[in-house]
Amino acid sequence: MTDDDVLTAHDVLRRTAHANRSTVSRILEHVDVSAFHEKATYVRADRADGYPPLRIASGWVNGFTDRDEAIAAGGPGLVVWQSDERAPLWGLWMPENSARDGGTVTDRRAAQQPCPDCGDLMPLTNVCDTCS
């Protein structure tokens, strides 16, 4: 996929881990995004207000204008941090991330995956009950 390939909010949510979907959805309700572009390790969410874009990765989001915006967008209980790479911007850890365990996910149980067509969670057989 190239930078010219624009994603939709639905595409972004469908590609987000189930545990993080409500957080990403809340952020997208709080921040007006004009376009989404897939990058190698994150999705760039161009802001309609002209501020720097958000970077939405598998376990974090970076690009909030300040600490208050990060907390308001992500909701209570999430760890927020000031960006070193993109100072003076702020980021947050999503509920499912690799920051707490030294960089690797230790939970290896089978997990339901979203259907690539409708986005509903499929049973562990990976055959969608809705589409099949």
N, C-alpha and C. Protein backbone atom coordinates (compact mmCIF):
# COMPACT_ATOMS: atom_id res chain seq x y z
N MET A 1 0.84 -1.17 0.00
CA MET A 1 0.00 0.00 0.00
C MET A 1 0.89 1.24 0.00
N THR A 2 0.57 2.22 -0.79
CA THR A 2 1.36 3.44 -0.86
C THR A 2 0.69 4.56 -0.09
N ASP A 3 1.40 5.67 0.08
CA ASP A 3 0.86 6.81 0.79
C ASP A 3 -0.36 7.39 0.08
N ASP A 4 -0.51 7.09 -1.21
CA ASP A 4 -1.65 7.58 -1.96
C ASP A 4 -2.92 6.79 -1.65
N ASP A 5 -2.77 5.61 -1.05
CA ASP A 5 -3.92 4.78 -0.70
C ASP A 5 -4.53 5.30 0.60
N VAL A 6 -5.72 5.83 0.50
CA VAL A 6 -6.38 6.41 1.66
C VAL A 6 -7.29 5.37 2.29
N LEU A 7 -7.18 5.24 3.61
CA LEU A 7 -8.03 4.32 4.37
C LEU A 7 -9.23 5.09 4.91
N THR A 8 -10.23 4.35 5.34
CA THR A 8 -11.37 4.95 6.03
C THR A 8 -11.24 4.68 7.52
N ALA A 9 -12.04 5.37 8.32
CA ALA A 9 -12.05 5.11 9.76
C ALA A 9 -12.43 3.65 10.03
N HIS A 10 -13.36 3.12 9.23
CA HIS A 10 -13.76 1.72 9.37
C HIS A 10 -12.57 0.79 9.13
N ASP A 11 -11.76 1.10 8.11
CA ASP A 11 -10.56 0.29 7.84
C ASP A 11 -9.61 0.31 9.04
N VAL A 12 -9.41 1.49 9.61
CA VAL A 12 -8.51 1.63 10.75
C VAL A 12 -9.02 0.81 11.93
N LEU A 13 -10.30 0.92 12.23
CA LEU A 13 -10.86 0.16 13.36
C LEU A 13 -10.81 -1.33 13.11
N ARG A 14 -11.05 -1.75 11.89
CA ARG A 14 -11.02 -3.17 11.55
C ARG A 14 -9.62 -3.75 11.74
N ARG A 15 -8.59 -2.95 11.52
CA ARG A 15 -7.20 -3.42 11.66
C ARG A 15 -6.67 -3.28 13.07
N THR A 16 -7.45 -2.68 13.95
CA THR A 16 -7.04 -2.44 15.33
C THR A 16 -7.38 -3.66 16.18
N ALA A 17 -6.48 -4.02 17.10
CA ALA A 17 -6.75 -5.12 18.02
C ALA A 17 -8.07 -4.87 18.74
N HIS A 18 -8.83 -5.93 18.94
CA HIS A 18 -10.16 -5.82 19.54
C HIS A 18 -10.12 -5.05 20.86
N ALA A 19 -9.11 -5.33 21.69
CA ALA A 19 -9.01 -4.68 23.00
C ALA A 19 -8.79 -3.17 22.89
N ASN A 20 -8.31 -2.70 21.74
CA ASN A 20 -8.00 -1.28 21.56
C ASN A 20 -9.03 -0.53 20.73
N ARG A 21 -10.01 -1.23 20.19
CA ARG A 21 -10.97 -0.57 19.28
C ARG A 21 -11.75 0.54 19.94
N SER A 22 -12.21 0.34 21.15
CA SER A 22 -13.01 1.39 21.79
C SER A 22 -12.16 2.63 22.05
N THR A 23 -10.87 2.44 22.36
CA THR A 23 -9.97 3.58 22.57
C THR A 23 -9.77 4.34 21.27
N VAL A 24 -9.48 3.63 20.18
CA VAL A 24 -9.28 4.29 18.89
C VAL A 24 -10.57 4.97 18.44
N SER A 25 -11.69 4.31 18.63
CA SER A 25 -12.97 4.91 18.26
C SER A 25 -13.22 6.20 19.04
N ARG A 26 -12.93 6.18 20.32
CA ARG A 26 -13.09 7.38 21.15
C ARG A 26 -12.18 8.50 20.66
N ILE A 27 -10.93 8.17 20.33
CA ILE A 27 -9.99 9.18 19.83
C ILE A 27 -10.51 9.79 18.53
N LEU A 28 -11.03 8.94 17.64
CA LEU A 28 -11.52 9.44 16.35
C LEU A 28 -12.79 10.27 16.51
N GLU A 29 -13.54 10.05 17.57
CA GLU A 29 -14.70 10.90 17.86
C GLU A 29 -14.25 12.26 18.41
N HIS A 30 -13.10 12.27 19.08
CA HIS A 30 -12.60 13.49 19.71
C HIS A 30 -11.78 14.36 18.75
N VAL A 31 -11.02 13.73 17.88
CA VAL A 31 -10.14 14.46 16.95
C VAL A 31 -10.70 14.33 15.54
N ASP A 32 -10.93 15.45 14.88
CA ASP A 32 -11.47 15.45 13.52
C ASP A 32 -10.35 15.10 12.55
N VAL A 33 -10.47 13.94 11.90
CA VAL A 33 -9.45 13.45 10.97
C VAL A 33 -9.95 13.58 9.55
N SER A 34 -9.10 14.15 8.68
CA SER A 34 -9.50 14.36 7.28
C SER A 34 -9.11 13.19 6.38
N ALA A 35 -8.05 12.44 6.74
CA ALA A 35 -7.61 11.31 5.91
C ALA A 35 -6.72 10.38 6.73
N PHE A 36 -6.73 9.10 6.36
CA PHE A 36 -5.88 8.09 6.98
C PHE A 36 -4.97 7.50 5.91
N HIS A 37 -3.68 7.35 6.24
CA HIS A 37 -2.70 6.78 5.31
C HIS A 37 -1.92 5.69 6.03
N GLU A 38 -1.85 4.51 5.43
CA GLU A 38 -1.11 3.41 6.04
C GLU A 38 0.38 3.60 5.83
N LYS A 39 1.14 3.52 6.91
CA LYS A 39 2.60 3.57 6.88
C LYS A 39 3.10 2.18 7.29
N ALA A 40 4.42 2.02 7.34
CA ALA A 40 4.98 0.70 7.64
C ALA A 40 4.59 0.19 9.03
N THR A 41 4.62 1.06 10.05
CA THR A 41 4.37 0.59 11.41
C THR A 41 3.21 1.29 12.10
N TYR A 42 2.52 2.18 11.40
CA TYR A 42 1.40 2.90 12.00
C TYR A 42 0.50 3.44 10.90
N VAL A 43 -0.64 3.99 11.29
CA VAL A 43 -1.53 4.69 10.36
C VAL A 43 -1.40 6.18 10.67
N ARG A 44 -1.12 6.96 9.64
CA ARG A 44 -1.06 8.42 9.81
C ARG A 44 -2.47 8.97 9.64
N ALA A 45 -2.94 9.67 10.66
CA ALA A 45 -4.28 10.27 10.65
C ALA A 45 -4.11 11.78 10.53
N ASP A 46 -4.34 12.31 9.33
CA ASP A 46 -4.21 13.75 9.10
C ASP A 46 -5.35 14.48 9.77
N ARG A 47 -5.01 15.46 10.57
CA ARG A 47 -6.01 16.21 11.32
C ARG A 47 -6.61 17.31 10.47
N ALA A 48 -7.91 17.49 10.56
CA ALA A 48 -8.60 18.54 9.81
C ALA A 48 -8.28 19.93 10.34
N ASP A 49 -7.82 20.02 11.60
CA ASP A 49 -7.54 21.32 12.21
C ASP A 49 -6.15 21.86 11.87
N GLY A 50 -5.37 21.11 11.09
CA GLY A 50 -4.06 21.58 10.68
C GLY A 50 -2.93 21.26 11.63
N TYR A 51 -3.23 20.71 12.80
CA TYR A 51 -2.18 20.30 13.72
C TYR A 51 -1.47 19.07 13.16
N PRO A 52 -0.30 18.72 13.70
CA PRO A 52 0.41 17.54 13.19
C PRO A 52 -0.47 16.30 13.25
N PRO A 53 -0.25 15.36 12.33
CA PRO A 53 -1.10 14.16 12.28
C PRO A 53 -0.89 13.26 13.50
N LEU A 54 -1.92 12.49 13.78
CA LEU A 54 -1.79 11.43 14.77
C LEU A 54 -1.10 10.24 14.12
N ARG A 55 -0.37 9.50 14.89
CA ARG A 55 0.18 8.22 14.45
C ARG A 55 -0.49 7.15 15.30
N ILE A 56 -1.25 6.28 14.65
CA ILE A 56 -1.99 5.23 15.35
C ILE A 56 -1.28 3.91 15.09
N ALA A 57 -0.62 3.38 16.12
CA ALA A 57 0.10 2.11 16.01
C ALA A 57 -0.68 1.03 16.74
N SER A 58 -0.12 -0.17 16.80
CA SER A 58 -0.86 -1.29 17.39
C SER A 58 -1.10 -1.12 18.88
N GLY A 59 -0.24 -0.42 19.60
CA GLY A 59 -0.40 -0.28 21.04
C GLY A 59 -0.31 1.13 21.56
N TRP A 60 -0.17 2.11 20.67
CA TRP A 60 -0.04 3.50 21.11
C TRP A 60 -0.57 4.45 20.05
N VAL A 61 -0.82 5.68 20.47
CA VAL A 61 -1.19 6.77 19.57
C VAL A 61 -0.34 7.96 19.97
N ASN A 62 0.26 8.64 18.99
CA ASN A 62 1.12 9.79 19.23
C ASN A 62 0.65 10.93 18.35
N GLY A 63 0.76 12.16 18.85
CA GLY A 63 0.43 13.33 18.04
C GLY A 63 -0.58 14.26 18.67
N PHE A 64 -0.88 14.06 19.94
CA PHE A 64 -1.80 14.96 20.62
C PHE A 64 -1.08 16.27 20.93
N THR A 65 -1.80 17.37 20.88
CA THR A 65 -1.18 18.68 21.04
C THR A 65 -0.66 18.93 22.45
N ASP A 66 -1.28 18.32 23.44
CA ASP A 66 -0.82 18.46 24.82
C ASP A 66 -1.38 17.31 25.66
N ARG A 67 -0.97 17.29 26.91
CA ARG A 67 -1.37 16.22 27.83
C ARG A 67 -2.90 16.18 27.97
N ASP A 68 -3.51 17.35 28.10
CA ASP A 68 -4.96 17.41 28.28
C ASP A 68 -5.71 16.81 27.10
N GLU A 69 -5.23 17.09 25.87
CA GLU A 69 -5.90 16.51 24.70
C GLU A 69 -5.75 15.00 24.68
N ALA A 70 -4.57 14.49 25.05
CA ALA A 70 -4.35 13.04 25.07
C ALA A 70 -5.30 12.37 26.06
N ILE A 71 -5.47 12.96 27.24
CA ILE A 71 -6.36 12.39 28.25
C ILE A 71 -7.81 12.49 27.81
N ALA A 72 -8.20 13.65 27.27
CA ALA A 72 -9.59 13.83 26.84
C ALA A 72 -9.94 12.90 25.69
N ALA A 73 -9.02 12.72 24.75
CA ALA A 73 -9.28 11.87 23.58
C ALA A 73 -9.28 10.39 23.95
N GLY A 74 -8.30 9.96 24.73
CA GLY A 74 -8.16 8.55 25.04
C GLY A 74 -9.06 8.06 26.16
N GLY A 75 -9.41 8.95 27.06
CA GLY A 75 -10.24 8.56 28.18
C GLY A 75 -9.42 8.33 29.43
N PRO A 76 -10.09 8.18 30.56
CA PRO A 76 -9.39 8.01 31.83
C PRO A 76 -8.71 6.65 31.94
N GLY A 77 -7.64 6.62 32.73
CA GLY A 77 -6.99 5.36 33.03
C GLY A 77 -5.88 4.95 32.09
N LEU A 78 -5.66 5.68 31.00
CA LEU A 78 -4.58 5.34 30.08
C LEU A 78 -3.32 6.12 30.45
N VAL A 79 -2.17 5.51 30.22
CA VAL A 79 -0.90 6.18 30.49
C VAL A 79 -0.59 7.10 29.32
N VAL A 80 -0.35 8.39 29.62
CA VAL A 80 0.03 9.35 28.59
C VAL A 80 1.49 9.73 28.80
N TRP A 81 2.15 10.15 27.73
CA TRP A 81 3.57 10.47 27.79
C TRP A 81 3.91 11.56 26.78
N GLN A 82 4.93 12.34 27.12
CA GLN A 82 5.40 13.37 26.21
C GLN A 82 6.34 12.73 25.20
N SER A 83 6.14 13.04 23.93
CA SER A 83 6.92 12.42 22.86
C SER A 83 8.33 12.98 22.82
N ASP A 84 9.32 12.10 22.77
CA ASP A 84 10.70 12.53 22.56
C ASP A 84 10.94 12.82 21.09
N GLU A 85 10.46 11.92 20.25
CA GLU A 85 10.67 12.01 18.81
C GLU A 85 9.90 13.17 18.18
N ARG A 86 8.70 13.46 18.70
CA ARG A 86 7.84 14.47 18.08
C ARG A 86 7.48 15.58 19.07
N ALA A 87 8.44 15.98 19.91
CA ALA A 87 8.20 17.05 20.88
C ALA A 87 7.73 18.30 20.14
N PRO A 88 6.77 19.00 20.69
CA PRO A 88 6.18 18.93 22.03
C PRO A 88 4.89 18.10 22.09
N LEU A 89 4.70 17.19 21.15
CA LEU A 89 3.47 16.41 21.09
C LEU A 89 3.43 15.36 22.20
N TRP A 90 2.23 14.79 22.40
CA TRP A 90 2.00 13.79 23.44
C TRP A 90 1.43 12.52 22.83
N GLY A 91 1.60 11.41 23.55
CA GLY A 91 1.06 10.13 23.12
C GLY A 91 0.40 9.41 24.28
N LEU A 92 -0.18 8.26 23.97
CA LEU A 92 -0.78 7.43 25.01
C LEU A 92 -0.61 5.96 24.66
N TRP A 93 -0.54 5.14 25.71
CA TRP A 93 -0.53 3.69 25.54
C TRP A 93 -1.97 3.22 25.52
N MET A 94 -2.30 2.36 24.57
CA MET A 94 -3.64 1.79 24.52
C MET A 94 -3.70 0.60 25.49
N PRO A 95 -4.90 0.10 25.78
CA PRO A 95 -5.03 -0.99 26.76
C PRO A 95 -4.16 -2.21 26.42
N GLU A 96 -4.10 -2.61 25.17
CA GLU A 96 -3.25 -3.74 24.77
C GLU A 96 -2.02 -3.17 24.08
N ASN A 97 -0.86 -3.35 24.72
CA ASN A 97 0.39 -2.83 24.17
C ASN A 97 1.55 -3.65 24.70
N SER A 98 2.73 -3.41 24.17
CA SER A 98 3.91 -4.18 24.59
C SER A 98 4.79 -3.41 25.56
N ALA A 99 4.34 -2.27 26.06
CA ALA A 99 5.17 -1.44 26.94
C ALA A 99 5.33 -2.05 28.33
N ARG A 100 4.38 -2.82 28.77
CA ARG A 100 4.40 -3.31 30.15
C ARG A 100 5.23 -4.58 30.33
N ASP A 101 5.57 -5.26 29.27
CA ASP A 101 6.23 -6.55 29.45
C ASP A 101 7.58 -6.65 28.75
N GLY A 102 8.25 -5.54 28.57
CA GLY A 102 9.58 -5.58 27.99
C GLY A 102 9.59 -5.70 26.48
N GLY A 103 8.50 -5.40 25.82
CA GLY A 103 8.51 -5.34 24.37
C GLY A 103 7.94 -6.54 23.65
N THR A 104 7.41 -7.50 24.35
CA THR A 104 6.82 -8.65 23.68
C THR A 104 5.49 -9.01 24.32
N VAL A 105 4.59 -9.44 23.52
CA VAL A 105 3.28 -9.85 24.03
C VAL A 105 3.40 -11.26 24.57
N THR A 106 3.01 -11.46 25.83
CA THR A 106 3.17 -12.78 26.44
C THR A 106 1.89 -13.61 26.40
N ASP A 107 0.76 -12.99 26.16
CA ASP A 107 -0.50 -13.71 26.09
C ASP A 107 -0.62 -14.37 24.72
N ARG A 108 -0.50 -15.68 24.66
CA ARG A 108 -0.47 -16.40 23.39
C ARG A 108 -1.73 -17.22 23.14
N ARG A 109 -2.81 -16.93 23.85
CA ARG A 109 -4.05 -17.66 23.64
C ARG A 109 -4.64 -17.32 22.28
N ALA A 110 -5.39 -18.27 21.73
CA ALA A 110 -6.08 -18.00 20.46
C ALA A 110 -7.09 -16.88 20.69
N ALA A 111 -7.18 -15.99 19.72
CA ALA A 111 -8.09 -14.85 19.84
C ALA A 111 -8.95 -14.75 18.59
N GLN A 112 -10.17 -14.31 18.78
CA GLN A 112 -11.05 -14.10 17.65
C GLN A 112 -10.50 -12.98 16.78
N GLN A 113 -10.62 -13.15 15.48
CA GLN A 113 -10.16 -12.16 14.52
C GLN A 113 -11.36 -11.51 13.86
N PRO A 114 -11.21 -10.25 13.43
CA PRO A 114 -12.32 -9.61 12.72
C PRO A 114 -12.44 -10.16 11.31
N CYS A 115 -13.67 -10.26 10.83
CA CYS A 115 -13.92 -10.69 9.45
C CYS A 115 -13.38 -9.62 8.51
N PRO A 116 -12.61 -9.98 7.49
CA PRO A 116 -12.08 -8.99 6.56
C PRO A 116 -13.16 -8.31 5.72
N ASP A 117 -14.34 -8.92 5.65
CA ASP A 117 -15.42 -8.34 4.84
C ASP A 117 -16.34 -7.43 5.64
N CYS A 118 -16.82 -7.92 6.79
CA CYS A 118 -17.82 -7.13 7.54
C CYS A 118 -17.27 -6.53 8.83
N GLY A 119 -16.13 -7.03 9.32
CA GLY A 119 -15.54 -6.50 10.54
C GLY A 119 -16.02 -7.14 11.82
N ASP A 120 -17.07 -7.98 11.76
CA ASP A 120 -17.54 -8.67 12.96
C ASP A 120 -16.50 -9.69 13.41
N LEU A 121 -16.47 -9.98 14.71
CA LEU A 121 -15.54 -10.99 15.21
C LEU A 121 -16.00 -12.37 14.75
N MET A 122 -15.05 -13.15 14.23
CA MET A 122 -15.34 -14.50 13.77
C MET A 122 -15.08 -15.49 14.91
N PRO A 123 -15.73 -16.65 14.90
CA PRO A 123 -15.37 -17.68 15.87
C PRO A 123 -13.95 -18.16 15.58
N LEU A 124 -13.40 -18.97 16.47
CA LEU A 124 -12.01 -19.41 16.30
C LEU A 124 -11.80 -20.26 15.05
N THR A 125 -12.87 -20.68 14.40
CA THR A 125 -12.74 -21.40 13.13
C THR A 125 -12.36 -20.47 11.99
N ASN A 126 -12.43 -19.15 12.23
CA ASN A 126 -12.16 -18.12 11.23
C ASN A 126 -13.11 -18.18 10.04
N VAL A 127 -14.32 -18.65 10.28
CA VAL A 127 -15.39 -18.62 9.28
C VAL A 127 -16.46 -17.70 9.85
N CYS A 128 -16.72 -16.61 9.17
CA CYS A 128 -17.64 -15.59 9.66
C CYS A 128 -19.07 -16.11 9.70
N ASP A 129 -19.71 -15.98 10.86
CA ASP A 129 -21.11 -16.38 11.00
C ASP A 129 -22.04 -15.45 10.24
N THR A 130 -21.64 -14.20 10.08
CA THR A 130 -22.47 -13.21 9.40
C THR A 130 -22.40 -13.36 7.89
N CYS A 131 -21.20 -13.55 7.36
CA CYS A 131 -21.00 -13.56 5.90
C CYS A 131 -21.13 -14.94 5.27
N SER A 132 -20.99 -16.01 6.06
CA SER A 132 -20.99 -17.36 5.46
C SER A 132 -22.36 -17.90 5.23
